[in-house]
Amino acid sequence: MLELLIVLIVVALIAGALGFTGIAGVAATLAKIVFGIILIGIVIVLILMFMGIALIA
């Protein structure tokens, strides 16, 4: 997922630099969504870790 986030950010930057604002906007929006999903996953893993629940046996 992190690789997808990096690719979307790079696509948004390149498209914005070349003047493709529509594509840049879509890529930036998707990057925000993927970032949110990653952030929620990290928070869930941290909460489970502090509760003592092992995710990997």
C-alpha atoms as a PDB file:
ATOM      1  CA  MET A   1       0.000   0.000   0.000  1.00  0.00           C
ATOM      2  CA  LEU A   2       2.864   2.327   0.740  1.00  0.00           C
ATOM      3  CA  GLU A   3       4.216   1.808  -2.765  1.00  0.00           C
ATOM      4  CA  LEU A   4       0.802   2.755  -4.177  1.00  0.00           C
ATOM      5  CA  LEU A   5       0.810   5.931  -2.117  1.00  0.00           C
ATOM      6  CA  ILE A   6       4.253   6.910  -3.393  1.00  0.00           C
ATOM      7  CA  VAL A   7       3.269   6.200  -7.015  1.00  0.00           C
ATOM      8  CA  LEU A   8       0.099   8.289  -6.710  1.00  0.00           C
ATOM      9  CA  ILE A   9       2.005  11.210  -5.200  1.00  0.00           C
ATOM     10  CA  VAL A  10       4.613  11.077  -7.976  1.00  0.00           C
ATOM     11  CA  VAL A  11       1.896  10.892 -10.651  1.00  0.00           C
ATOM     12  CA  ALA A  12       0.120  13.884  -9.098  1.00  0.00           C
ATOM     13  CA  LEU A  13       3.331  15.924  -8.982  1.00  0.00           C
ATOM     14  CA  ILE A  14       4.330  15.119 -12.559  1.00  0.00           C
ATOM     15  CA  ALA A  15       0.820  15.680 -13.934  1.00  0.00           C
ATOM     16  CA  GLY A  16       0.549  18.977 -12.064  1.00  0.00           C
ATOM     17  CA  ALA A  17       3.925  20.123 -13.368  1.00  0.00           C
ATOM     18  CA  LEU A  18       2.904  19.295 -16.939  1.00  0.00           C
ATOM     19  CA  GLY A  19      -0.419  21.103 -16.622  1.00  0.00           C
ATOM     20  CA  PHE A  20      -2.749  18.112 -16.420  1.00  0.00           C
ATOM     21  CA  THR A  21      -4.676  19.477 -13.466  1.00  0.00           C
ATOM     22  CA  GLY A  22      -7.563  17.010 -13.751  1.00  0.00           C
ATOM     23  CA  ILE A  23      -5.306  13.982 -13.563  1.00  0.00           C
ATOM     24  CA  ALA A  24      -3.255  15.612 -10.804  1.00  0.00           C
ATOM     25  CA  GLY A  25      -6.387  16.252  -8.763  1.00  0.00           C
ATOM     26  CA  VAL A  26      -7.608  12.683  -9.108  1.00  0.00           C
ATOM     27  CA  ALA A  27      -4.193  11.252  -8.213  1.00  0.00           C
ATOM     28  CA  ALA A  28      -3.912  13.558  -5.202  1.00  0.00           C
ATOM     29  CA  THR A  29      -7.398  12.566  -4.003  1.00  0.00           C
ATOM     30  CA  LEU A  30      -6.587   8.874  -4.335  1.00  0.00           C
ATOM     31  CA  ALA A  31      -3.306   9.430  -2.489  1.00  0.00           C
ATOM     32  CA  LYS A  32      -5.230  11.049   0.379  1.00  0.00           C
ATOM     33  CA  ILE A  33      -7.608   8.088   0.544  1.00  0.00           C
ATOM     34  CA  VAL A  34      -4.773   5.541   0.530  1.00  0.00           C
ATOM     35  CA  PHE A  35      -2.932   7.563   3.192  1.00  0.00           C
ATOM     36  CA  GLY A  36      -6.047   7.523   5.369  1.00  0.00           C
ATOM     37  CA  ILE A  37      -6.375   3.748   5.021  1.00  0.00           C
ATOM     38  CA  ILE A  38      -2.717   3.254   5.925  1.00  0.00           C
ATOM     39  CA  LEU A  39      -3.050   5.594   8.913  1.00  0.00           C
ATOM     40  CA  ILE A  40      -6.136   3.772  10.205  1.00  0.00           C
ATOM     41  CA  GLY A  41      -4.317   0.445   9.839  1.00  0.00           C
ATOM     42  CA  ILE A  42      -1.324   1.716  11.800  1.00  0.00           C
ATOM     43  CA  VAL A  43      -3.551   3.026  14.598  1.00  0.00           C
ATOM     44  CA  ILE A  44      -5.401  -0.310  14.826  1.00  0.00           C
ATOM     45  CA  VAL A  45      -2.121  -2.237  14.964  1.00  0.00           C
ATOM     46  CA  LEU A  46      -0.753   0.070  17.683  1.00  0.00           C
ATOM     47  CA  ILE A  47      -3.916  -0.272  19.777  1.00  0.00           C
ATOM     48  CA  LEU A  48      -3.804  -4.063  19.479  1.00  0.00           C
ATOM     49  CA  MET A  49      -0.107  -4.070  20.320  1.00  0.00           C
ATOM     50  CA  PHE A  50      -0.642  -2.022  23.498  1.00  0.00           C
ATOM     51  CA  MET A  51      -3.496  -4.344  24.486  1.00  0.00           C
ATOM     52  CA  GLY A  52      -1.097  -7.277  24.210  1.00  0.00           C
ATOM     53  CA  ILE A  53      -2.771  -8.970  21.270  1.00  0.00           C
ATOM     54  CA  ALA A  54      -0.157 -10.547  19.017  1.00  0.00           C
ATOM     55  CA  LEU A  55      -0.908 -10.260  15.304  1.00  0.00           C
ATOM     56  CA  ILE A  56       1.861 -12.666  14.334  1.00  0.00           C
ATOM     57  CA  ALA A  57       2.097 -15.943  16.221  1.00  0.00           C
END
